[in-house]
Amino acid sequence: MFRSKSRITLFLLVFALLLVPFTAIAQTTQTGTFADGAKFLIEVPANWNGTLLLYSHGYVTPGSNNPATDVGDPATRAFLLANGFALAGSSYATTGWAIHEALPDQIAVLDQFKATVGTPKRTIAWGHSLGGIITAGLIQRFPERFDAALPMCGVLSGGVATWNQALDSAFAFKTLVAFGSPLQVTNITSPTNNFLLSEALLQQAIATPQGRAKAALSFALGDTPGWFTPLSPEPAPTDFADQFANQVLWAANVDFPFVFAFRAELEARAGGNPSWNTAVNYREQFEKSTSKAEVRALYAAAGLSLEDDLETLNKAARISANPASVEYLEQNIIFNGNIHFPVLTMHTEGDGLVSNENEQAYRSTVHEANNDRFLRQTFVHRAGHCSFTPAETITALSNLITRLDTGRWPDLHPATLNAEAATLGPNFNIFASGGNIVPTAPAFDPFRATEFLRPFDTFIDARCERHRGSDQNCRVDGD
């Protein structure tokens, strides 16, 4: 108890006691556009403490408005500026899977800051979702420009792995639910029509017990969680009907747009399909899924043979990748685990767009590179993609800064983190839901992510050699 109180006191000294009314903070703001069309935003408070936070924003739907962004939410922005932190970020030159443009654009922001403001004492990379993979990509490709990183709800399995796993789920849906239909899972020619078709097929499927069972199997191969609404309680472990209903919400509202429409944007920039399922054993994949109990129950209720459908998947004609497109996606980006300064990650447990298993993929890569001492991971017990409160975000950042200040990781036990977040008060322990601001208690949780189903990183060739090419993530048939 004494240690916990001491930590809270230190937390308050570092942040809350520095806090002054937001309206009293003077700051300078820079905006502009780089030669490639990316916009940038830099905000520097008058009481700048020497730390720069470079924010990488998430996925922007192809063709949508794409402003420069330097922080995830307005409450966190106000708090950080009031406490002396400089904020910066760019829009990236394009929308969609814009990692190819984001990495140099974000470095250009750092160059702009250095030229017009000065050299920071330290620079921390942070970002949400696609911004999480960009954050991890920045520190891997430009380690000399950073001192620490905070990827949040990030695509930390890397580009190849995440799109391969998405292909597995789409392939199962096409084979078991939409067989014979014109639904396209790769080489998508009309994204809008393809997505609308997927939605119609999903609605037909969920109308029958048999369709629900087959759809659930496709969700399981993507590890879609059975929890959707952020401020709702998590369904009971055996409430399979509620879990499935939540998976349908993820599919219809979030995942199917990516799987059956936005993949086309990736394929266009990669020059073809970068994903494959050659050599994948779907029976083995299913046994590793977090929702296999739900699928078994739904198959039993429907009077269907799960073994027969797994056999159908294993015998179905497979999809090969375009080698040049795989190379593009490897560059944008897969991970090698070479981190040499503090990296703290944060993820919600019920994330159906970027599954929490992404954290295990990144942890495994860092471990294989013998850099475990630089990585710590935290989880928030809440559904939703990047559904953190400002207090949780500030608390994670505070602990990362403590690691920088002291050279040692602080106590990251969830109870300690929750106590620290609570000290920030009601203005930061909130969540925006349905247009309303809802008081929300901090929810750091002693969670550990299970295995990502389709890992792919820079160690894959060594694994394939050890397994004599039998690993189902190996590139075969020219992939």
Protein backbone atom coordinates (compact mmCIF):
# COMPACT_ATOMS: atom_id res chain seq x y z
CA MET A 1 0.00 0.00 0.00
CA PHE A 2 2.83 2.40 0.83
CA ARG A 3 4.48 1.75 -2.52
CA SER A 4 1.20 2.36 -4.31
CA LYS A 5 0.64 5.66 -2.51
CA SER A 6 4.20 6.73 -3.24
CA ARG A 7 3.69 6.05 -6.91
CA ILE A 8 0.51 8.10 -6.94
CA THR A 9 2.29 10.96 -5.22
CA LEU A 10 5.08 10.85 -7.79
CA PHE A 11 2.50 10.75 -10.57
CA LEU A 12 0.83 13.87 -9.20
CA LEU A 13 4.13 15.67 -8.85
CA VAL A 14 5.12 14.86 -12.40
CA PHE A 15 1.80 15.84 -13.95
CA ALA A 16 -1.13 17.04 -11.88
CA LEU A 17 0.73 19.61 -9.76
CA LEU A 18 2.07 21.20 -12.94
CA LEU A 19 -1.41 21.56 -14.34
CA VAL A 20 -2.62 25.13 -14.84
CA PRO A 21 -5.93 26.25 -16.34
CA PHE A 22 -5.95 25.27 -19.99
CA THR A 23 -7.07 28.74 -21.09
CA ALA A 24 -3.96 30.30 -19.55
CA ILE A 25 -1.52 28.30 -21.67
CA ALA A 26 0.21 30.30 -24.38
CA GLN A 27 1.45 28.33 -27.34
CA THR A 28 2.72 28.66 -30.86
CA THR A 29 1.12 26.68 -33.66
CA GLN A 30 2.65 25.83 -37.02
CA THR A 31 0.79 24.39 -39.96
CA GLY A 32 1.93 23.76 -43.51
CA THR A 33 2.16 21.34 -46.41
CA PHE A 34 5.12 19.29 -47.55
CA ALA A 35 6.08 18.82 -51.20
CA ASP A 36 4.22 15.47 -51.39
CA GLY A 37 0.99 17.08 -50.20
CA ALA A 38 1.09 15.91 -46.59
CA LYS A 39 -0.05 18.54 -44.12
CA PHE A 40 1.68 19.01 -40.77
CA LEU A 41 0.71 20.43 -37.40
CA ILE A 42 3.09 21.50 -34.61
CA GLU A 43 2.00 22.92 -31.25
CA VAL A 44 4.56 24.21 -28.74
CA PRO A 45 3.49 25.58 -25.34
CA ALA A 46 5.30 28.59 -23.87
CA ASN A 47 6.45 26.40 -20.97
CA TRP A 48 7.87 23.69 -23.27
CA ASN A 49 9.64 21.07 -21.17
CA GLY A 50 11.89 19.87 -23.99
CA THR A 51 9.90 16.71 -24.82
CA LEU A 52 8.29 16.32 -28.25
CA LEU A 53 5.48 13.82 -28.83
CA LEU A 54 5.22 12.77 -32.48
CA TYR A 55 1.71 11.42 -33.07
CA SER A 56 0.82 9.02 -35.89
CA HIS A 57 -2.90 8.90 -36.68
CA GLY A 58 -4.91 5.87 -37.70
CA TYR A 59 -6.36 4.58 -40.96
CA VAL A 60 -8.25 7.13 -43.05
CA THR A 61 -10.84 5.66 -45.41
CA PRO A 62 -9.65 6.06 -49.01
CA GLY A 63 -10.68 9.44 -50.35
CA SER A 64 -11.86 10.84 -47.02
CA ASN A 65 -10.86 14.18 -45.48
CA ASN A 66 -7.28 13.87 -44.24
CA PRO A 67 -6.22 16.69 -41.88
CA ALA A 68 -2.96 16.82 -39.95
CA THR A 69 -3.34 15.40 -36.45
CA ASP A 70 -1.00 15.66 -33.48
CA VAL A 71 -2.91 13.92 -30.66
CA GLY A 72 -5.68 11.38 -30.21
CA ASP A 73 -8.32 13.34 -28.27
CA PRO A 74 -8.91 16.95 -27.13
CA ALA A 75 -8.72 16.28 -23.39
CA THR A 76 -5.32 14.61 -23.70
CA ARG A 77 -4.16 17.45 -25.96
CA ALA A 78 -5.15 20.10 -23.45
CA PHE A 79 -3.52 18.22 -20.59
CA LEU A 80 -0.24 17.68 -22.38
CA LEU A 81 0.08 21.24 -23.65
CA ALA A 82 -0.72 22.54 -20.17
CA ASN A 83 2.07 20.40 -18.79
CA GLY A 84 4.69 21.61 -21.22
CA PHE A 85 4.74 18.92 -23.92
CA ALA A 86 5.13 19.85 -27.59
CA LEU A 87 2.86 17.99 -30.01
CA ALA A 88 3.39 17.28 -33.70
CA GLY A 89 2.08 15.11 -36.49
CA SER A 90 1.23 14.96 -40.18
CA SER A 91 -1.72 13.89 -42.32
CA TYR A 92 0.41 11.59 -44.55
CA ALA A 93 0.35 12.25 -48.27
CA THR A 94 -2.33 9.66 -49.01
CA THR A 95 -5.20 7.86 -47.32
CA GLY A 96 -5.66 4.11 -46.88
CA TRP A 97 -2.70 1.82 -46.03
CA ALA A 98 -0.43 4.88 -46.18
CA ILE A 99 2.62 3.51 -44.36
CA HIS A 100 4.86 4.07 -47.41
CA GLU A 101 4.09 7.81 -47.21
CA ALA A 102 3.65 8.09 -43.45
CA LEU A 103 7.19 7.08 -42.48
CA PRO A 104 8.99 9.81 -44.44
CA ASP A 105 6.23 12.35 -43.77
CA GLN A 106 6.56 11.89 -40.01
CA ILE A 107 10.34 12.24 -40.21
CA ALA A 108 9.79 15.42 -42.22
CA VAL A 109 7.74 16.73 -39.29
CA LEU A 110 10.70 16.12 -36.99
CA ASP A 111 12.96 17.96 -39.41
CA GLN A 112 10.50 20.86 -39.55
CA PHE A 113 10.35 21.01 -35.77
CA LYS A 114 14.14 21.01 -35.43
CA ALA A 115 14.53 23.77 -38.02
CA THR A 116 11.84 26.07 -36.62
CA VAL A 117 11.63 25.28 -32.89
CA GLY A 118 14.87 23.56 -31.94
CA THR A 119 16.23 20.15 -31.06
CA PRO A 120 14.09 18.37 -28.45
CA LYS A 121 15.75 16.91 -25.37
CA ARG A 122 13.84 13.75 -26.20
CA THR A 123 11.30 12.61 -28.75
CA ILE A 124 8.57 10.04 -28.10
CA ALA A 125 6.71 8.35 -30.95
CA TRP A 126 3.11 7.43 -30.28
CA GLY A 127 -0.03 6.66 -32.24
CA HIS A 128 -3.28 4.72 -32.54
CA SER A 129 -4.25 1.78 -34.79
CA LEU A 130 -2.52 2.18 -38.17
CA GLY A 131 -0.64 4.88 -36.29
CA GLY A 132 0.51 2.14 -33.91
CA ILE A 133 2.18 0.18 -36.72
CA ILE A 134 3.59 3.45 -38.07
CA THR A 135 4.97 4.25 -34.61
CA ALA A 136 6.65 0.84 -34.43
CA GLY A 137 7.87 1.30 -38.00
CA LEU A 138 9.37 4.71 -37.24
CA ILE A 139 11.42 3.46 -34.30
CA GLN A 140 12.59 0.44 -36.31
CA ARG A 141 13.61 2.39 -39.41
CA PHE A 142 14.78 5.62 -37.74
CA PRO A 143 15.85 4.61 -34.22
CA GLU A 144 18.30 7.51 -33.90
CA ARG A 145 15.42 10.02 -34.01
CA PHE A 146 13.55 8.68 -30.97
CA ASP A 147 13.96 7.98 -27.27
CA ALA A 148 10.79 5.96 -26.52
CA ALA A 149 7.53 4.83 -28.09
CA LEU A 150 3.89 4.25 -27.13
CA PRO A 151 2.03 2.28 -29.84
CA MET A 152 -1.65 2.07 -28.89
CA CYS A 153 -4.06 -0.54 -30.31
CA GLY A 154 -1.47 -0.98 -33.03
CA VAL A 155 -1.27 -3.37 -35.97
CA LEU A 156 1.85 -4.82 -34.37
CA SER A 157 1.69 -8.17 -36.15
CA GLY A 158 2.89 -6.26 -39.21
CA GLY A 159 1.35 -5.77 -42.64
CA VAL A 160 1.81 -9.25 -44.09
CA ALA A 161 0.48 -11.06 -41.03
CA THR A 162 -2.58 -8.89 -40.51
CA TRP A 163 -3.73 -9.12 -44.14
CA ASN A 164 -3.03 -12.87 -44.26
CA GLN A 165 -5.19 -13.41 -41.18
CA ALA A 166 -7.90 -11.24 -42.73
CA LEU A 167 -7.68 -13.42 -45.84
CA ASP A 168 -8.22 -16.57 -43.76
CA SER A 169 -11.46 -15.20 -42.35
CA ALA A 170 -12.67 -13.96 -45.75
CA PHE A 171 -11.70 -17.23 -47.43
CA ALA A 172 -13.73 -19.23 -44.90
CA PHE A 173 -16.72 -16.90 -45.31
CA LYS A 174 -16.57 -17.21 -49.10
CA THR A 175 -16.09 -21.01 -49.03
CA LEU A 176 -18.66 -21.90 -46.39
CA VAL A 177 -21.23 -19.10 -46.49
CA ALA A 178 -20.96 -17.56 -49.95
CA PHE A 179 -19.83 -20.47 -52.11
CA GLY A 180 -20.86 -19.94 -55.73
CA SER A 181 -21.46 -16.23 -55.24
CA PRO A 182 -19.42 -13.56 -57.07
CA LEU A 183 -17.95 -12.33 -53.76
CA GLN A 184 -14.25 -11.54 -54.22
CA VAL A 185 -11.69 -12.01 -51.43
CA THR A 186 -8.68 -10.79 -53.44
CA ASN A 187 -8.20 -8.84 -56.68
CA ILE A 188 -11.35 -6.90 -55.82
CA THR A 189 -12.62 -5.05 -58.88
CA SER A 190 -15.54 -3.08 -57.39
CA PRO A 191 -14.99 -2.42 -53.68
CA THR A 192 -18.38 -0.86 -52.97
CA ASN A 193 -20.40 -3.56 -54.70
CA ASN A 194 -18.24 -6.29 -53.18
CA PHE A 195 -18.81 -4.92 -49.69
CA LEU A 196 -22.58 -4.58 -50.23
CA LEU A 197 -22.69 -8.18 -51.43
CA SER A 198 -20.80 -9.35 -48.33
CA GLU A 199 -23.28 -7.55 -46.10
CA ALA A 200 -26.25 -9.13 -47.86
CA LEU A 201 -24.68 -12.58 -47.61
CA LEU A 202 -23.99 -12.08 -43.92
CA GLN A 203 -27.59 -11.12 -43.23
CA GLN A 204 -28.79 -14.23 -45.06
CA ALA A 205 -26.40 -16.41 -43.10
CA ILE A 206 -27.38 -15.20 -39.63
CA ALA A 207 -31.03 -15.99 -40.33
CA THR A 208 -30.46 -19.74 -39.84
CA PRO A 209 -28.61 -21.84 -37.24
CA GLN A 210 -26.54 -23.41 -40.01
CA GLY A 211 -25.53 -20.05 -41.42
CA ARG A 212 -24.66 -18.73 -37.97
CA ALA A 213 -22.39 -21.71 -37.29
CA LYS A 214 -20.51 -21.30 -40.58
CA ALA A 215 -20.16 -17.54 -40.13
CA ALA A 216 -18.86 -18.10 -36.60
CA LEU A 217 -16.14 -20.37 -37.96
CA SER A 218 -15.04 -17.65 -40.36
CA PHE A 219 -14.95 -15.15 -37.49
CA ALA A 220 -12.91 -17.58 -35.38
CA LEU A 221 -10.18 -17.76 -38.03
CA GLY A 222 -9.74 -14.01 -37.61
CA ASP A 223 -10.01 -14.15 -33.81
CA THR A 224 -12.92 -11.68 -33.84
CA PRO A 225 -13.88 -11.07 -30.20
CA GLY A 226 -17.41 -11.62 -28.95
CA TRP A 227 -17.58 -8.17 -27.36
CA PHE A 228 -18.43 -5.02 -29.31
CA THR A 229 -19.85 -2.09 -27.33
CA PRO A 230 -17.18 -0.32 -25.23
CA LEU A 231 -19.18 0.41 -22.07
CA SER A 232 -21.11 -2.85 -22.06
CA PRO A 233 -20.18 -5.77 -19.79
CA GLU A 234 -18.21 -8.54 -21.44
CA PRO A 235 -20.46 -11.49 -22.33
CA ALA A 236 -20.13 -14.53 -20.09
CA PRO A 237 -17.68 -17.18 -21.33
CA THR A 238 -20.54 -19.55 -22.20
CA ASP A 239 -22.98 -16.96 -23.56
CA PHE A 240 -22.28 -18.02 -27.12
CA ALA A 241 -25.37 -16.38 -28.59
CA ASP A 242 -24.34 -12.96 -27.26
CA GLN A 243 -20.75 -13.50 -28.35
CA PHE A 244 -21.86 -14.33 -31.87
CA ALA A 245 -24.18 -11.32 -32.00
CA ASN A 246 -21.25 -9.10 -31.09
CA GLN A 247 -19.06 -10.71 -33.75
CA VAL A 248 -21.73 -9.96 -36.33
CA LEU A 249 -21.61 -6.30 -35.26
CA TRP A 250 -17.84 -6.27 -35.74
CA ALA A 251 -18.20 -7.88 -39.16
CA ALA A 252 -21.01 -5.71 -40.46
CA ASN A 253 -19.81 -2.38 -39.10
CA VAL A 254 -16.02 -2.62 -39.04
CA ASP A 255 -14.32 -5.70 -40.46
CA PHE A 256 -16.17 -6.36 -43.72
CA PRO A 257 -15.42 -2.85 -45.06
CA PHE A 258 -11.71 -3.63 -44.66
CA VAL A 259 -11.82 -7.25 -45.77
CA PHE A 260 -14.12 -6.90 -48.78
CA ALA A 261 -13.59 -3.26 -49.86
CA PHE A 262 -10.51 -1.50 -48.50
CA ARG A 263 -8.29 -4.45 -49.45
CA ALA A 264 -8.64 -3.12 -52.98
CA GLU A 265 -6.79 0.06 -51.99
CA LEU A 266 -3.94 -2.04 -50.59
CA GLU A 267 -3.83 -4.21 -53.72
CA ALA A 268 -3.71 -1.10 -55.93
CA ARG A 269 -0.74 0.39 -54.11
CA ALA A 270 1.02 -3.00 -53.84
CA GLY A 271 0.50 -3.80 -57.53
CA GLY A 272 -1.50 -6.95 -56.82
CA ASN A 273 -2.58 -9.31 -54.08
CA PRO A 274 -0.03 -9.53 -51.20
CA SER A 275 -1.78 -12.31 -49.26
CA TRP A 276 -1.81 -16.10 -49.50
CA ASN A 277 -3.21 -19.15 -47.74
CA THR A 278 -1.23 -21.87 -49.52
CA ALA A 279 -0.21 -24.59 -47.05
CA VAL A 280 -2.47 -23.27 -44.28
CA ASN A 281 -4.03 -26.06 -42.23
CA TYR A 282 -7.37 -24.65 -41.14
CA ARG A 283 -7.95 -27.40 -38.62
CA GLU A 284 -4.77 -26.31 -36.82
CA GLN A 285 -5.72 -22.64 -37.13
CA PHE A 286 -9.12 -23.31 -35.62
CA GLU A 287 -7.64 -25.13 -32.63
CA LYS A 288 -5.60 -22.01 -31.81
CA SER A 289 -8.59 -19.66 -32.04
CA THR A 290 -9.95 -17.92 -28.95
CA SER A 291 -13.56 -18.67 -29.92
CA LYS A 292 -13.39 -22.38 -30.73
CA ALA A 293 -15.79 -23.25 -27.86
CA GLU A 294 -18.41 -20.90 -29.29
CA VAL A 295 -18.03 -22.38 -32.77
CA ARG A 296 -18.35 -25.94 -31.48
CA ALA A 297 -21.51 -25.01 -29.58
CA LEU A 298 -23.09 -23.31 -32.61
CA TYR A 299 -22.26 -26.25 -34.87
CA ALA A 300 -23.81 -28.66 -32.37
CA ALA A 301 -26.94 -26.53 -32.13
CA ALA A 302 -27.19 -26.42 -35.94
CA GLY A 303 -26.73 -30.17 -36.30
CA LEU A 304 -23.72 -29.70 -38.55
CA SER A 305 -20.32 -31.40 -38.64
CA LEU A 306 -17.53 -28.98 -37.81
CA GLU A 307 -15.00 -31.56 -38.96
CA ASP A 308 -16.63 -31.70 -42.37
CA ASP A 309 -16.44 -27.93 -42.82
CA LEU A 310 -12.81 -27.80 -41.67
CA GLU A 311 -12.09 -30.52 -44.21
CA THR A 312 -13.90 -28.49 -46.85
CA LEU A 313 -11.65 -25.52 -46.08
CA ASN A 314 -8.53 -27.66 -46.20
CA LYS A 315 -9.47 -29.13 -49.58
CA ALA A 316 -10.60 -25.86 -51.17
CA ALA A 317 -8.49 -24.29 -53.92
CA ARG A 318 -6.01 -21.90 -52.35
CA ILE A 319 -4.95 -18.33 -53.06
CA SER A 320 -1.39 -17.40 -53.98
CA ALA A 321 0.18 -13.97 -53.64
CA ASN A 322 1.95 -11.79 -56.15
CA PRO A 323 5.62 -11.88 -54.98
CA ALA A 324 6.25 -8.19 -55.73
CA SER A 325 3.15 -7.26 -53.72
CA VAL A 326 4.37 -9.33 -50.77
CA GLU A 327 7.67 -7.47 -50.96
CA TYR A 328 5.78 -4.14 -50.89
CA LEU A 329 3.85 -5.19 -47.79
CA GLU A 330 7.00 -6.46 -46.09
CA GLN A 331 8.49 -3.01 -46.57
CA ASN A 332 5.30 -1.42 -45.22
CA ILE A 333 5.92 -3.08 -42.79
CA ILE A 334 7.04 -6.17 -40.87
CA PHE A 335 9.07 -6.18 -37.66
CA ASN A 336 12.49 -7.42 -36.59
CA GLY A 337 12.29 -6.84 -32.82
CA ASN A 338 15.28 -4.49 -32.82
CA ILE A 339 14.23 -2.01 -30.15
CA HIS A 340 16.90 -0.46 -27.95
CA PHE A 341 14.93 2.04 -25.89
CA PRO A 342 11.67 1.82 -23.90
CA VAL A 343 8.53 0.78 -25.76
CA LEU A 344 5.22 0.53 -23.92
CA THR A 345 2.15 -0.76 -25.76
CA MET A 346 -1.53 -0.49 -24.79
CA HIS A 347 -4.49 -2.42 -26.23
CA THR A 348 -8.16 -2.93 -25.44
CA GLU A 349 -9.03 -6.59 -24.93
CA GLY A 350 -12.24 -6.59 -27.00
CA ASP A 351 -10.77 -5.10 -30.17
CA GLY A 352 -12.32 -6.61 -33.27
CA LEU A 353 -10.50 -4.50 -35.86
CA VAL A 354 -6.93 -4.93 -34.58
CA SER A 355 -7.12 -7.98 -32.34
CA ASN A 356 -5.28 -7.93 -29.02
CA GLU A 357 -3.28 -10.93 -30.31
CA ASN A 358 -1.26 -8.39 -32.32
CA GLU A 359 0.53 -7.70 -29.04
CA GLN A 360 1.65 -11.32 -28.78
CA ALA A 361 3.04 -11.19 -32.31
CA TYR A 362 5.13 -8.11 -31.47
CA ARG A 363 6.21 -9.50 -28.10
CA SER A 364 7.33 -12.70 -29.78
CA THR A 365 9.42 -10.81 -32.32
CA VAL A 366 11.06 -8.66 -29.66
CA HIS A 367 11.76 -11.77 -27.61
CA GLU A 368 13.34 -13.52 -30.58
CA ALA A 369 15.63 -10.51 -30.99
CA ASN A 370 16.58 -10.73 -27.27
CA ASN A 371 15.22 -7.27 -26.47
CA ASP A 372 12.53 -8.14 -23.90
CA ARG A 373 13.94 -5.68 -21.36
CA PHE A 374 12.88 -2.74 -23.51
CA LEU A 375 9.25 -3.82 -23.98
CA ARG A 376 6.26 -3.73 -21.66
CA GLN A 377 2.61 -4.26 -22.59
CA THR A 378 -0.59 -3.07 -20.92
CA PHE A 379 -4.22 -3.99 -21.58
CA VAL A 380 -7.53 -2.29 -20.86
CA HIS A 381 -10.58 -4.43 -20.11
CA ARG A 382 -12.99 -2.80 -22.53
CA ALA A 383 -14.51 -3.55 -25.90
CA GLY A 384 -13.86 -1.39 -28.91
CA HIS A 385 -10.97 -0.33 -31.08
CA CYS A 386 -8.70 2.19 -29.32
CA SER A 387 -11.45 2.85 -26.76
CA PHE A 388 -9.19 4.36 -24.10
CA THR A 389 -10.07 7.15 -21.73
CA PRO A 390 -7.81 10.23 -21.62
CA ALA A 391 -6.79 9.17 -18.10
CA GLU A 392 -5.62 5.76 -19.34
CA THR A 393 -3.65 7.36 -22.16
CA ILE A 394 -2.01 9.91 -19.87
CA THR A 395 -1.20 7.23 -17.31
CA ALA A 396 0.51 5.03 -19.90
CA LEU A 397 2.53 7.99 -21.15
CA SER A 398 3.45 8.99 -17.59
CA ASN A 399 4.87 5.55 -16.88
CA LEU A 400 6.83 5.54 -20.10
CA ILE A 401 8.35 8.89 -19.12
CA THR A 402 9.16 7.53 -15.67
CA ARG A 403 11.07 4.72 -17.40
CA LEU A 404 13.01 7.34 -19.37
CA ASP A 405 13.71 9.44 -16.29
CA THR A 406 14.84 6.63 -14.01
CA GLY A 407 16.22 4.02 -16.40
CA ARG A 408 13.98 1.41 -14.77
CA TRP A 409 10.47 0.26 -15.51
CA PRO A 410 8.02 1.42 -12.83
CA ASP A 411 5.39 -0.86 -11.31
CA LEU A 412 2.95 -1.49 -14.15
CA HIS A 413 0.56 -3.65 -12.15
CA PRO A 414 -3.00 -2.84 -13.30
CA ALA A 415 -4.13 -1.87 -9.78
CA THR A 416 -1.33 0.70 -9.61
CA LEU A 417 -2.12 2.06 -13.05
CA ASN A 418 -5.83 2.31 -12.24
CA ALA A 419 -5.09 4.18 -9.02
CA GLU A 420 -2.88 6.61 -10.92
CA ALA A 421 -5.49 7.16 -13.61
CA ALA A 422 -8.15 7.80 -10.99
CA THR A 423 -6.10 10.67 -9.52
CA LEU A 424 -6.61 12.64 -12.73
CA GLY A 425 -10.23 13.21 -11.78
CA PRO A 426 -13.56 13.22 -13.59
CA ASN A 427 -12.48 15.43 -16.50
CA PHE A 428 -10.18 12.69 -17.80
CA ASN A 429 -11.92 9.51 -16.64
CA ILE A 430 -14.53 9.79 -19.37
CA PHE A 431 -15.50 8.10 -22.60
CA ALA A 432 -17.43 9.47 -25.57
CA SER A 433 -20.35 7.15 -26.31
CA GLY A 434 -23.29 7.82 -28.59
CA GLY A 435 -22.59 11.53 -28.62
CA ASN A 436 -22.47 11.67 -24.82
CA ILE A 437 -19.53 11.99 -22.43
CA VAL A 438 -19.85 9.12 -19.95
CA PRO A 439 -17.91 8.88 -16.65
CA THR A 440 -15.72 5.79 -17.02
CA ALA A 441 -13.50 4.14 -14.44
CA PRO A 442 -9.97 3.18 -15.47
CA ALA A 443 -9.81 -0.47 -16.53
CA PHE A 444 -6.19 -1.62 -16.79
CA ASP A 445 -6.30 -5.40 -16.51
CA PRO A 446 -3.85 -8.28 -15.85
CA PHE A 447 -4.37 -9.73 -19.32
CA ARG A 448 -1.97 -11.58 -21.59
CA ALA A 449 -2.69 -11.92 -25.29
CA THR A 450 -2.76 -15.39 -26.82
CA GLU A 451 -1.03 -16.45 -30.02
CA PHE A 452 -1.58 -14.45 -33.20
CA LEU A 453 -2.86 -16.96 -35.76
CA ARG A 454 -0.81 -15.99 -38.82
CA PRO A 455 2.52 -14.46 -37.66
CA PHE A 456 4.96 -13.14 -40.24
CA ASP A 457 8.09 -11.15 -39.42
CA THR A 458 11.77 -11.00 -40.29
CA PHE A 459 12.40 -14.30 -38.50
CA ILE A 460 10.01 -16.26 -40.73
CA ASP A 461 12.72 -17.62 -43.05
CA ALA A 462 14.67 -19.00 -40.08
CA ARG A 463 11.51 -20.66 -38.74
CA CYS A 464 10.74 -22.16 -42.12
CA GLU A 465 14.25 -23.57 -42.31
CA ARG A 466 13.94 -25.07 -38.83
CA HIS A 467 10.60 -26.64 -39.77
CA ARG A 468 11.90 -27.72 -43.19
CA GLY A 469 9.33 -25.61 -44.98
CA SER A 470 6.35 -27.19 -43.24
CA ASP A 471 5.31 -24.04 -41.32
CA GLN A 472 2.01 -22.82 -42.75
CA ASN A 473 3.24 -19.23 -42.71
CA CYS A 474 6.09 -20.06 -45.09
CA ARG A 475 5.84 -18.67 -48.58
CA VAL A 476 5.29 -21.53 -50.99
CA ASP A 477 4.35 -21.96 -54.64
CA GLY A 478 6.24 -18.84 -55.60
CA ASP A 479 4.79 -16.58 -52.90
